[in-house]
Amino acid sequence: MRTVIAGQLVELPGTIAAIRAALDEDRAKAFDAEIPHVPVAELPLTLARWALSTTDADAEDAELFARLARGEDVGA
């Protein structure tokens, strides 16, 4: 999987094992606790969320939402 973050093409972990390996110990425990209980229909979105959490995408999104909340024109 690939996405663009801060203008750069980023390769995301593409397997359950790779996602887990990219997480720190505490987040890996949370991942292990969540994944076995995710309904099949929700699994792709949940795995994508976890894969994105291994990047700076959350910080980029938070900054964008903060700018929107301040009423800035973000060019969207």
N, C-alpha and C. Protein backbone atom coordinates (compact mmCIF):
# COMPACT_ATOMS: atom_id res chain seq x y z
N MET A 1 0.85 -1.17 0.00
CA MET A 1 0.00 0.00 0.00
C MET A 1 0.89 1.24 0.00
N ARG A 2 0.44 2.25 -0.69
CA ARG A 2 1.17 3.52 -0.74
C ARG A 2 0.21 4.67 -0.51
N THR A 3 0.76 5.75 0.03
CA THR A 3 0.00 6.98 0.21
C THR A 3 0.97 8.15 0.13
N VAL A 4 0.45 9.33 0.06
CA VAL A 4 1.27 10.53 0.04
C VAL A 4 1.10 11.25 1.37
N ILE A 5 2.22 11.50 2.03
CA ILE A 5 2.23 12.21 3.31
C ILE A 5 3.26 13.31 3.20
N ALA A 6 2.83 14.53 3.48
CA ALA A 6 3.71 15.71 3.40
C ALA A 6 4.38 15.79 2.03
N GLY A 7 3.62 15.43 0.99
CA GLY A 7 4.12 15.54 -0.36
C GLY A 7 5.06 14.42 -0.80
N GLN A 8 5.26 13.44 0.06
CA GLN A 8 6.16 12.33 -0.25
C GLN A 8 5.39 11.03 -0.37
N LEU A 9 5.75 10.21 -1.36
CA LEU A 9 5.15 8.90 -1.51
C LEU A 9 5.70 7.99 -0.42
N VAL A 10 4.81 7.37 0.35
CA VAL A 10 5.21 6.54 1.49
C VAL A 10 4.66 5.13 1.28
N GLU A 11 5.51 4.14 1.46
CA GLU A 11 5.11 2.73 1.40
C GLU A 11 4.63 2.34 2.80
N LEU A 12 3.39 1.89 2.89
CA LEU A 12 2.83 1.46 4.16
C LEU A 12 3.07 -0.04 4.35
N PRO A 13 3.11 -0.49 5.61
CA PRO A 13 3.19 -1.93 5.82
C PRO A 13 1.99 -2.60 5.18
N GLY A 14 2.21 -3.69 4.43
CA GLY A 14 1.16 -4.27 3.62
C GLY A 14 0.62 -5.61 4.08
N THR A 15 1.06 -6.07 5.23
CA THR A 15 0.52 -7.31 5.79
C THR A 15 0.23 -7.09 7.26
N ILE A 16 -0.57 -7.96 7.83
CA ILE A 16 -0.86 -7.87 9.26
C ILE A 16 0.45 -7.95 10.05
N ALA A 17 1.31 -8.88 9.68
CA ALA A 17 2.59 -9.04 10.38
C ALA A 17 3.46 -7.79 10.24
N ALA A 18 3.49 -7.20 9.05
CA ALA A 18 4.31 -6.00 8.84
C ALA A 18 3.77 -4.81 9.63
N ILE A 19 2.45 -4.68 9.68
CA ILE A 19 1.86 -3.60 10.48
C ILE A 19 2.26 -3.78 11.94
N ARG A 20 2.09 -4.98 12.45
CA ARG A 20 2.40 -5.24 13.85
C ARG A 20 3.88 -4.97 14.14
N ALA A 21 4.76 -5.38 13.22
CA ALA A 21 6.20 -5.19 13.41
C ALA A 21 6.58 -3.71 13.43
N ALA A 22 5.79 -2.87 12.79
CA ALA A 22 6.09 -1.44 12.73
C ALA A 22 5.62 -0.68 13.97
N LEU A 23 4.89 -1.34 14.85
CA LEU A 23 4.34 -0.71 16.04
C LEU A 23 5.27 -0.86 17.22
N ASP A 24 5.24 0.12 18.14
CA ASP A 24 5.99 -0.05 19.38
C ASP A 24 5.26 -1.07 20.26
N GLU A 25 5.88 -1.47 21.34
CA GLU A 25 5.35 -2.57 22.16
C GLU A 25 3.94 -2.32 22.67
N ASP A 26 3.67 -1.13 23.17
CA ASP A 26 2.33 -0.84 23.71
C ASP A 26 1.28 -0.84 22.61
N ARG A 27 1.61 -0.25 21.47
CA ARG A 27 0.65 -0.22 20.37
C ARG A 27 0.47 -1.60 19.77
N ALA A 28 1.52 -2.42 19.76
CA ALA A 28 1.40 -3.79 19.27
C ALA A 28 0.43 -4.59 20.15
N LYS A 29 0.47 -4.35 21.44
CA LYS A 29 -0.47 -5.02 22.35
C LYS A 29 -1.91 -4.60 22.05
N ALA A 30 -2.11 -3.31 21.80
CA ALA A 30 -3.46 -2.82 21.47
C ALA A 30 -3.92 -3.41 20.13
N PHE A 31 -3.01 -3.48 19.17
CA PHE A 31 -3.30 -4.08 17.87
C PHE A 31 -3.72 -5.55 18.05
N ASP A 32 -2.92 -6.29 18.82
CA ASP A 32 -3.22 -7.71 19.07
C ASP A 32 -4.57 -7.90 19.76
N ALA A 33 -4.93 -6.97 20.62
CA ALA A 33 -6.21 -7.07 21.32
C ALA A 33 -7.38 -6.74 20.40
N GLU A 34 -7.17 -5.82 19.46
CA GLU A 34 -8.26 -5.37 18.60
C GLU A 34 -8.50 -6.28 17.39
N ILE A 35 -7.47 -6.63 16.68
CA ILE A 35 -7.61 -7.28 15.37
C ILE A 35 -8.44 -8.57 15.39
N PRO A 36 -8.26 -9.46 16.36
CA PRO A 36 -9.06 -10.70 16.31
C PRO A 36 -10.57 -10.49 16.46
N HIS A 37 -10.96 -9.30 16.90
CA HIS A 37 -12.38 -9.04 17.17
C HIS A 37 -13.03 -8.11 16.13
N VAL A 38 -12.28 -7.71 15.13
CA VAL A 38 -12.81 -6.82 14.09
C VAL A 38 -13.66 -7.64 13.13
N PRO A 39 -14.90 -7.21 12.88
CA PRO A 39 -15.73 -7.91 11.89
C PRO A 39 -15.04 -7.90 10.52
N VAL A 40 -15.20 -8.96 9.77
CA VAL A 40 -14.54 -9.11 8.48
C VAL A 40 -14.78 -7.91 7.57
N ALA A 41 -15.99 -7.41 7.56
CA ALA A 41 -16.31 -6.28 6.69
C ALA A 41 -15.53 -5.02 7.07
N GLU A 42 -15.11 -4.91 8.31
CA GLU A 42 -14.39 -3.73 8.79
C GLU A 42 -12.87 -3.92 8.79
N LEU A 43 -12.42 -5.13 8.48
CA LEU A 43 -10.99 -5.44 8.58
C LEU A 43 -10.13 -4.58 7.64
N PRO A 44 -10.47 -4.41 6.37
CA PRO A 44 -9.60 -3.58 5.51
C PRO A 44 -9.41 -2.16 6.04
N LEU A 45 -10.49 -1.52 6.46
CA LEU A 45 -10.39 -0.15 6.98
C LEU A 45 -9.58 -0.11 8.28
N THR A 46 -9.80 -1.09 9.13
CA THR A 46 -9.07 -1.14 10.40
C THR A 46 -7.58 -1.35 10.16
N LEU A 47 -7.24 -2.24 9.24
CA LEU A 47 -5.82 -2.47 8.93
C LEU A 47 -5.20 -1.23 8.30
N ALA A 48 -5.94 -0.54 7.44
CA ALA A 48 -5.43 0.70 6.84
C ALA A 48 -5.19 1.75 7.92
N ARG A 49 -6.10 1.85 8.87
CA ARG A 49 -5.93 2.81 9.98
C ARG A 49 -4.67 2.50 10.76
N TRP A 50 -4.46 1.22 11.08
CA TRP A 50 -3.26 0.83 11.82
C TRP A 50 -2.00 1.07 11.00
N ALA A 51 -2.05 0.75 9.70
CA ALA A 51 -0.88 0.97 8.84
C ALA A 51 -0.54 2.46 8.78
N LEU A 52 -1.56 3.30 8.63
CA LEU A 52 -1.32 4.75 8.60
C LEU A 52 -0.79 5.26 9.93
N SER A 53 -1.13 4.58 11.02
CA SER A 53 -0.67 5.03 12.33
C SER A 53 0.83 4.86 12.51
N THR A 54 1.48 4.13 11.59
CA THR A 54 2.93 3.95 11.66
C THR A 54 3.67 5.08 10.96
N THR A 55 2.92 6.08 10.46
CA THR A 55 3.49 7.20 9.71
C THR A 55 3.17 8.51 10.43
N ASP A 56 3.49 9.61 9.78
CA ASP A 56 3.16 10.94 10.31
C ASP A 56 1.83 11.44 9.78
N ALA A 57 1.01 10.56 9.21
CA ALA A 57 -0.26 10.97 8.63
C ALA A 57 -1.17 11.61 9.67
N ASP A 58 -1.18 11.08 10.89
CA ASP A 58 -2.05 11.65 11.93
C ASP A 58 -1.68 13.10 12.22
N ALA A 59 -0.39 13.38 12.30
CA ALA A 59 0.05 14.75 12.58
C ALA A 59 -0.33 15.68 11.44
N GLU A 60 -0.17 15.20 10.21
CA GLU A 60 -0.54 16.00 9.05
C GLU A 60 -2.05 16.28 9.05
N ASP A 61 -2.85 15.26 9.35
CA ASP A 61 -4.30 15.44 9.41
C ASP A 61 -4.69 16.40 10.53
N ALA A 62 -4.07 16.25 11.70
CA ALA A 62 -4.39 17.12 12.84
C ALA A 62 -4.09 18.58 12.49
N GLU A 63 -2.97 18.81 11.82
CA GLU A 63 -2.62 20.16 11.42
C GLU A 63 -3.64 20.73 10.42
N LEU A 64 -4.05 19.92 9.46
CA LEU A 64 -5.05 20.36 8.48
C LEU A 64 -6.38 20.69 9.16
N PHE A 65 -6.83 19.82 10.06
CA PHE A 65 -8.10 20.07 10.75
C PHE A 65 -8.01 21.30 11.64
N ALA A 66 -6.86 21.55 12.25
CA ALA A 66 -6.68 22.75 13.07
C ALA A 66 -6.78 24.00 12.19
N ARG A 67 -6.16 23.94 11.01
CA ARG A 67 -6.25 25.08 10.09
C ARG A 67 -7.69 25.31 9.65
N LEU A 68 -8.40 24.23 9.35
CA LEU A 68 -9.81 24.36 8.97
C LEU A 68 -10.63 24.96 10.10
N ALA A 69 -10.36 24.52 11.34
CA ALA A 69 -11.10 25.02 12.50
C ALA A 69 -10.86 26.51 12.70
N ARG A 70 -9.66 26.98 12.33
CA ARG A 70 -9.35 28.42 12.43
C ARG A 70 -9.95 29.20 11.26
N GLY A 71 -10.56 28.50 10.32
CA GLY A 71 -11.18 29.16 9.18
C GLY A 71 -10.22 29.48 8.05
N GLU A 72 -9.03 28.88 8.07
CA GLU A 72 -8.05 29.14 7.01
C GLU A 72 -8.49 28.48 5.71
N ASP A 73 -8.11 29.11 4.62
CA ASP A 73 -8.34 28.53 3.29
C ASP A 73 -7.20 27.54 3.05
N VAL A 74 -7.55 26.26 2.93
CA VAL A 74 -6.52 25.23 2.75
C VAL A 74 -6.42 24.79 1.30
N GLY A 75 -7.12 25.48 0.42
CA GLY A 75 -7.02 25.18 -0.99
C GLY A 75 -7.74 23.92 -1.42
N ALA A 76 -8.68 23.47 -0.61
CA ALA A 76 -9.40 22.26 -0.97
C ALA A 76 -10.68 22.58 -1.69
